[in-house]
Amino acid sequence: MPSFLLQRLASFAATLAVASLVVFAVLELLPGRPAEVMLGDTATPEAVAALEARLGLDRPAPLRYLSWVGGLLRGESATSYAYDTPTFELIAERLQVSLPLALLAMMLTVVVALAAGVYAAAHHRRAGDTGVMLLSQLGLSIPNFWLAILLILLFAVQLQWVGAGGFPGWTEGDGGSLGAGLAALLLPALSLAAVQAAILARVTRSSVLEALREDYVRTARAKGLSRSQVLWGHVLRNAMIPVLTIMGLQFANLITGAIIVENVFVLPGIGRLVFQAIANRDLVLVRDVVMLLAAVVVLVNFVVDVLYAVVDPRLRRATS
């Protein structure tokens, strides 16, 4: 197990290093000069040069890259051009919305998808299986932003159970509370979870059906275990490898891909932050946000690899 973890950590560090190079290089290739965008079309060349010198944009690209990476490793943050605030503070503030939203959507996805997938596999080629597959196909067909609008029309406009958008905060000092914050994230989480649950339910069904054909299932039934005990105690664990893969990709996607939904519900999350940073040509903030999202994807994949070894001990022996 230690050697397995060391291999995954080395791969994790190498991937982050390559990702940082790609992020920096892509932003460097963008046309235009950030100082000109910030000062406007009427700015003189001298004013543009003075602002570039103040922001450090007049230095060679390799030096700026090393300075950026060194600051990340030391936990030091650059200052946003548009907000005049350290980027880490802006990101941490927006993560208070995006991270709970992703966790809530992932929890809904896992609960619904695992139950539906196992149920469909247990009722293979019967009415329950057909119903789950039809619902999952419907979930795959509906864009999450369109579902978000429908949920607003139904629950916020017609029934008036929740607000149509915005985020009140998590504490009373911010004008909100824990309950109010969760209520504000419920509809966005549902709109994000619908497509993800449909995908995961289909993968779970296929994986469980494949595991049900194994010899150990017949052995477990011969020992007197009920069908539900075999499904939840033996089959599901052995079917979790492909399911974990999809879950890892989905959680990363819920954090990185919620830009449209956050804008529909006017949520002050990471998605809206990066959208505003791009509009403001705030390359420092864009760079740090994109690097954070890349790190989230790599970290989730690392956690999934570790869970592989926990679920299937054969993987630990194969890499030891």
Foldseek 3Di string as FASTA:
>chain_A
DVLLLVVLVVVLVVLLVVLLVVLLVVLVPDDDDLLCLQVDPPDDPVSSVVVCVVQVVVDDSVVVSVVVVVCVVVVHFGAWPVPRHGLVVLQVVQCVQLVVLLVLLLVVLVVLQLVLQLQLLVQDPDPSVVVLLVQLVVLQVDQLLVQLVVCCCPDCVPVNPAHSADAQDPDVVSVAHVVNRCRRSVSLSVSLNSNLSSVLNVLSNVLLNVLCPDPVVVVVVVVPDDPVCCSVVPSSLNSCLVSLVSSLVSSLCSSVPCLSSCVSRVRSHLSVVLVVCVVSVRSSSVSVSSSVSSSSSSVSVSVSSVVVCVSDVVVVVVSD
